[in-house]
């Protein structure tokens, strides 16, 4: 039982260090990433889908080049996710996860 609880806590902690890139301005996401690093975390993951992938790349590069030069890209994962719309039709969309770390 204790092992299950520690796994849940680890999963919750991992989710805290994730920034989902959406339709807001780039600098809002940059601020979110910089704030997380300033709060003491060792890594932050940017996640985006579809047309917003380029915005996630922009966020990562702005953080690395302008605000936190000690941060580097640790891992990049690309994948295809299947989304189901309200009418039941499925569509595939590209997704990216960019892990930044100190």
N, C-alpha and C. Protein backbone atom coordinates (compact mmCIF):
# COMPACT_ATOMS: atom_id res chain seq x y z
N UNK A 1 0.83 -1.20 0.00
CA UNK A 1 0.00 0.00 0.00
C UNK A 1 0.87 1.26 0.00
N UNK A 2 1.93 1.24 0.82
CA UNK A 2 2.81 2.41 0.88
C UNK A 2 3.49 2.65 -0.46
N UNK A 3 3.83 1.56 -1.16
CA UNK A 3 4.48 1.68 -2.46
C UNK A 3 3.55 2.37 -3.47
N UNK A 4 2.26 2.02 -3.45
CA UNK A 4 1.30 2.64 -4.35
C UNK A 4 1.18 4.14 -4.06
N UNK A 5 1.16 4.51 -2.78
CA UNK A 5 1.04 5.92 -2.40
C UNK A 5 2.25 6.71 -2.87
N UNK A 6 3.45 6.13 -2.77
CA UNK A 6 4.65 6.84 -3.21
C UNK A 6 4.64 7.01 -4.72
N UNK A 7 4.11 6.02 -5.46
CA UNK A 7 4.01 6.14 -6.91
C UNK A 7 3.05 7.26 -7.29
N UNK A 8 1.94 7.37 -6.57
CA UNK A 8 0.96 8.42 -6.84
C UNK A 8 1.58 9.78 -6.56
N UNK A 9 2.30 9.91 -5.45
CA UNK A 9 2.94 11.18 -5.12
C UNK A 9 3.99 11.55 -6.16
N UNK A 10 4.73 10.56 -6.65
CA UNK A 10 5.74 10.84 -7.68
C UNK A 10 5.07 11.30 -8.97
N UNK A 11 3.95 10.69 -9.32
CA UNK A 11 3.23 11.09 -10.52
C UNK A 11 2.68 12.50 -10.37
N UNK A 12 2.14 12.83 -9.19
CA UNK A 12 1.63 14.19 -8.95
C UNK A 12 2.74 15.21 -9.05
N UNK A 13 3.89 14.88 -8.49
CA UNK A 13 5.02 15.82 -8.52
C UNK A 13 5.50 16.02 -9.96
N UNK A 14 5.49 14.97 -10.75
CA UNK A 14 5.92 15.07 -12.15
C UNK A 14 4.97 16.00 -12.92
N UNK A 15 3.66 15.89 -12.67
CA UNK A 15 2.69 16.73 -13.37
C UNK A 15 2.84 18.21 -13.01
N UNK A 16 3.37 18.50 -11.85
CA UNK A 16 3.56 19.89 -11.44
C UNK A 16 4.58 20.60 -12.33
N UNK A 17 5.50 19.86 -12.91
CA UNK A 17 6.58 20.44 -13.69
C UNK A 17 6.29 20.40 -15.19
N UNK A 18 5.01 20.40 -15.55
CA UNK A 18 4.61 20.35 -16.95
C UNK A 18 3.90 21.65 -17.31
N UNK A 19 4.29 22.23 -18.45
CA UNK A 19 3.62 23.42 -18.98
C UNK A 19 2.98 23.02 -20.30
N UNK A 20 1.65 23.10 -20.36
CA UNK A 20 0.91 22.79 -21.57
C UNK A 20 0.80 24.06 -22.41
N UNK A 21 1.39 24.05 -23.59
CA UNK A 21 1.40 25.22 -24.46
C UNK A 21 0.10 25.26 -25.25
N UNK A 22 -0.59 26.40 -25.15
CA UNK A 22 -1.86 26.59 -25.84
C UNK A 22 -1.83 27.84 -26.69
N UNK A 23 -2.93 28.56 -26.70
CA UNK A 23 -3.09 29.70 -27.60
C UNK A 23 -2.71 31.05 -26.99
N UNK A 24 -2.25 31.07 -25.76
CA UNK A 24 -1.81 32.34 -25.16
C UNK A 24 -0.52 32.80 -25.83
N UNK A 25 -0.08 33.98 -25.46
CA UNK A 25 1.17 34.50 -25.99
C UNK A 25 2.37 33.70 -25.51
N UNK A 26 3.42 33.74 -26.29
CA UNK A 26 4.64 32.98 -25.98
C UNK A 26 5.21 33.38 -24.62
N UNK A 27 5.22 34.67 -24.33
CA UNK A 27 5.87 35.14 -23.10
C UNK A 27 5.15 34.64 -21.84
N UNK A 28 3.88 34.36 -21.93
CA UNK A 28 3.16 33.79 -20.78
C UNK A 28 3.71 32.43 -20.41
N UNK A 29 4.02 31.63 -21.42
CA UNK A 29 4.58 30.30 -21.17
C UNK A 29 6.05 30.39 -20.74
N UNK A 30 6.77 31.36 -21.30
CA UNK A 30 8.15 31.59 -20.87
C UNK A 30 8.16 31.93 -19.38
N UNK A 31 7.26 32.81 -18.96
CA UNK A 31 7.17 33.19 -17.55
C UNK A 31 6.86 31.98 -16.68
N UNK A 32 5.96 31.11 -17.14
CA UNK A 32 5.62 29.91 -16.38
C UNK A 32 6.84 29.00 -16.19
N UNK A 33 7.61 28.82 -17.25
CA UNK A 33 8.80 27.96 -17.17
C UNK A 33 9.86 28.58 -16.26
N UNK A 34 10.13 29.87 -16.44
CA UNK A 34 11.14 30.55 -15.62
C UNK A 34 10.73 30.52 -14.15
N UNK A 35 9.45 30.73 -13.88
CA UNK A 35 8.95 30.69 -12.50
C UNK A 35 9.18 29.31 -11.88
N UNK A 36 8.92 28.27 -12.64
CA UNK A 36 9.14 26.92 -12.11
C UNK A 36 10.61 26.68 -11.80
N UNK A 37 11.49 27.07 -12.70
CA UNK A 37 12.92 26.89 -12.42
C UNK A 37 13.36 27.73 -11.22
N UNK A 38 12.85 28.93 -11.08
CA UNK A 38 13.22 29.78 -9.95
C UNK A 38 12.68 29.24 -8.62
N UNK A 39 11.63 28.40 -8.69
CA UNK A 39 11.09 27.81 -7.46
C UNK A 39 11.90 26.59 -7.01
N UNK A 40 12.89 26.20 -7.81
CA UNK A 40 13.81 25.16 -7.38
C UNK A 40 13.70 23.82 -8.09
N UNK A 41 12.83 23.68 -9.07
CA UNK A 41 12.74 22.39 -9.76
C UNK A 41 13.95 22.20 -10.67
N UNK A 42 14.28 20.95 -10.94
CA UNK A 42 15.44 20.64 -11.77
C UNK A 42 15.09 20.50 -13.25
N UNK A 43 13.80 20.19 -13.54
CA UNK A 43 13.40 20.05 -14.94
C UNK A 43 11.95 20.46 -15.13
N UNK A 44 11.65 20.95 -16.32
CA UNK A 44 10.30 21.35 -16.70
C UNK A 44 10.04 20.76 -18.08
N UNK A 45 8.84 20.23 -18.29
CA UNK A 45 8.47 19.66 -19.57
C UNK A 45 7.43 20.54 -20.25
N UNK A 46 7.70 20.90 -21.49
CA UNK A 46 6.74 21.63 -22.31
C UNK A 46 6.00 20.62 -23.17
N UNK A 47 4.66 20.72 -23.22
CA UNK A 47 3.87 19.82 -24.05
C UNK A 47 3.00 20.64 -24.98
N UNK A 48 2.90 20.21 -26.23
CA UNK A 48 2.06 20.91 -27.21
C UNK A 48 1.59 19.91 -28.27
N UNK A 49 0.49 20.29 -28.93
CA UNK A 49 -0.06 19.45 -30.01
C UNK A 49 -0.34 20.30 -31.23
N UNK A 50 -0.28 19.66 -32.38
CA UNK A 50 -0.69 20.28 -33.64
C UNK A 50 0.07 21.53 -34.00
N UNK A 51 -0.67 22.56 -34.37
CA UNK A 51 -0.07 23.82 -34.82
C UNK A 51 0.68 24.55 -33.71
N UNK A 52 0.47 24.15 -32.46
CA UNK A 52 1.11 24.83 -31.34
C UNK A 52 2.51 24.27 -31.02
N UNK A 53 2.94 23.27 -31.77
CA UNK A 53 4.27 22.71 -31.56
C UNK A 53 5.34 23.78 -31.76
N UNK A 54 5.19 24.60 -32.79
CA UNK A 54 6.20 25.64 -33.05
C UNK A 54 6.25 26.65 -31.91
N UNK A 55 5.12 26.89 -31.26
CA UNK A 55 5.10 27.81 -30.11
C UNK A 55 5.88 27.21 -28.93
N UNK A 56 5.76 25.90 -28.73
CA UNK A 56 6.51 25.25 -27.65
C UNK A 56 8.01 25.33 -27.92
N UNK A 57 8.41 25.16 -29.17
CA UNK A 57 9.83 25.29 -29.52
C UNK A 57 10.29 26.72 -29.27
N UNK A 58 9.48 27.70 -29.64
CA UNK A 58 9.82 29.10 -29.38
C UNK A 58 10.01 29.35 -27.89
N UNK A 59 9.11 28.82 -27.07
CA UNK A 59 9.22 28.99 -25.61
C UNK A 59 10.53 28.42 -25.11
N UNK A 60 10.86 27.21 -25.53
CA UNK A 60 12.10 26.57 -25.08
C UNK A 60 13.32 27.39 -25.47
N UNK A 61 13.33 27.90 -26.69
CA UNK A 61 14.49 28.66 -27.15
C UNK A 61 14.60 30.02 -26.46
N UNK A 62 13.48 30.67 -26.20
CA UNK A 62 13.52 31.96 -25.50
C UNK A 62 14.01 31.76 -24.07
N UNK A 63 13.53 30.72 -23.41
CA UNK A 63 13.99 30.44 -22.04
C UNK A 63 15.49 30.20 -22.03
N UNK A 64 15.97 29.37 -22.96
CA UNK A 64 17.40 29.03 -22.98
C UNK A 64 18.29 30.19 -23.38
N UNK A 65 17.88 30.97 -24.37
CA UNK A 65 18.76 32.00 -24.92
C UNK A 65 18.68 33.35 -24.22
N UNK A 66 17.53 33.71 -23.67
CA UNK A 66 17.38 35.04 -23.09
C UNK A 66 17.34 35.08 -21.58
N UNK A 67 16.74 34.04 -20.95
CA UNK A 67 16.49 34.13 -19.51
C UNK A 67 17.34 33.21 -18.66
N UNK A 68 17.48 31.97 -19.05
CA UNK A 68 18.21 30.99 -18.23
C UNK A 68 19.22 30.23 -19.09
N UNK A 69 20.38 30.82 -19.33
CA UNK A 69 21.36 30.15 -20.20
C UNK A 69 21.89 28.83 -19.63
N UNK A 70 21.71 28.60 -18.33
CA UNK A 70 22.19 27.35 -17.73
C UNK A 70 21.23 26.18 -17.99
N UNK A 71 20.06 26.47 -18.55
CA UNK A 71 19.08 25.44 -18.87
C UNK A 71 19.37 24.88 -20.26
N UNK A 72 19.23 23.56 -20.39
CA UNK A 72 19.45 22.92 -21.69
C UNK A 72 18.30 21.96 -22.00
N UNK A 73 18.22 21.56 -23.24
CA UNK A 73 17.21 20.59 -23.66
C UNK A 73 17.73 19.21 -23.30
N UNK A 74 17.01 18.50 -22.44
CA UNK A 74 17.43 17.17 -22.00
C UNK A 74 16.85 16.08 -22.89
N UNK A 75 15.62 16.27 -23.37
CA UNK A 75 14.98 15.24 -24.17
C UNK A 75 13.85 15.85 -24.98
N UNK A 76 13.64 15.33 -26.17
CA UNK A 76 12.51 15.73 -27.02
C UNK A 76 11.80 14.45 -27.45
N UNK A 77 10.50 14.40 -27.23
CA UNK A 77 9.70 13.25 -27.62
C UNK A 77 8.62 13.71 -28.58
N UNK A 78 8.53 13.06 -29.73
CA UNK A 78 7.45 13.36 -30.67
C UNK A 78 6.57 12.12 -30.78
N UNK A 79 5.28 12.37 -30.98
CA UNK A 79 4.35 11.25 -31.07
C UNK A 79 3.09 11.69 -31.79
N UNK A 80 2.21 10.74 -32.04
CA UNK A 80 0.91 11.02 -32.64
C UNK A 80 -0.15 10.60 -31.64
N UNK A 81 -1.07 11.52 -31.36
CA UNK A 81 -2.17 11.23 -30.44
C UNK A 81 -3.46 11.17 -31.24
N UNK A 82 -4.35 10.28 -30.84
CA UNK A 82 -5.63 10.15 -31.51
C UNK A 82 -6.70 10.83 -30.67
N UNK A 83 -7.37 11.81 -31.24
CA UNK A 83 -8.42 12.54 -30.56
C UNK A 83 -9.77 12.12 -31.12
N UNK A 84 -10.75 12.01 -30.24
CA UNK A 84 -12.10 11.67 -30.66
C UNK A 84 -12.98 12.90 -30.49
N UNK A 85 -13.65 13.29 -31.56
CA UNK A 85 -14.52 14.46 -31.51
C UNK A 85 -15.88 14.08 -30.93
N UNK A 86 -16.73 15.09 -30.74
CA UNK A 86 -18.04 14.86 -30.15
C UNK A 86 -18.91 13.94 -31.00
N UNK A 87 -18.75 13.98 -32.31
CA UNK A 87 -19.57 13.13 -33.18
C UNK A 87 -19.01 11.70 -33.31
N UNK A 88 -17.93 11.41 -32.60
CA UNK A 88 -17.38 10.06 -32.57
C UNK A 88 -16.28 9.79 -33.57
N UNK A 89 -15.98 10.75 -34.43
CA UNK A 89 -14.91 10.53 -35.41
C UNK A 89 -13.55 10.75 -34.76
N UNK A 90 -12.59 9.97 -35.19
CA UNK A 90 -11.24 10.04 -34.63
C UNK A 90 -10.32 10.76 -35.61
N UNK A 91 -9.43 11.58 -35.07
CA UNK A 91 -8.42 12.22 -35.89
C UNK A 91 -7.08 12.13 -35.18
N UNK A 92 -6.03 12.07 -35.96
CA UNK A 92 -4.69 11.97 -35.40
C UNK A 92 -4.03 13.33 -35.44
N UNK A 93 -3.31 13.65 -34.37
CA UNK A 93 -2.64 14.94 -34.29
C UNK A 93 -1.23 14.72 -33.74
N UNK A 94 -0.27 15.45 -34.27
CA UNK A 94 1.10 15.35 -33.80
C UNK A 94 1.24 16.03 -32.44
N UNK A 95 2.17 15.54 -31.63
CA UNK A 95 2.41 16.12 -30.32
C UNK A 95 3.91 16.09 -30.04
N UNK A 96 4.33 17.00 -29.15
CA UNK A 96 5.74 17.07 -28.78
C UNK A 96 5.85 17.31 -27.28
N UNK A 97 6.89 16.75 -26.69
CA UNK A 97 7.25 17.02 -25.30
C UNK A 97 8.72 17.42 -25.30
N UNK A 98 9.00 18.59 -24.76
CA UNK A 98 10.37 19.09 -24.68
C UNK A 98 10.73 19.17 -23.21
N UNK A 99 11.72 18.39 -22.79
CA UNK A 99 12.15 18.42 -21.39
C UNK A 99 13.36 19.33 -21.26
N UNK A 100 13.20 20.36 -20.45
CA UNK A 100 14.29 21.29 -20.15
C UNK A 100 14.82 20.99 -18.76
N UNK A 101 16.13 21.08 -18.59
CA UNK A 101 16.70 20.80 -17.27
C UNK A 101 17.95 21.61 -17.03
N UNK A 102 18.30 21.73 -15.75
CA UNK A 102 19.52 22.44 -15.37
C UNK A 102 20.71 21.50 -15.40
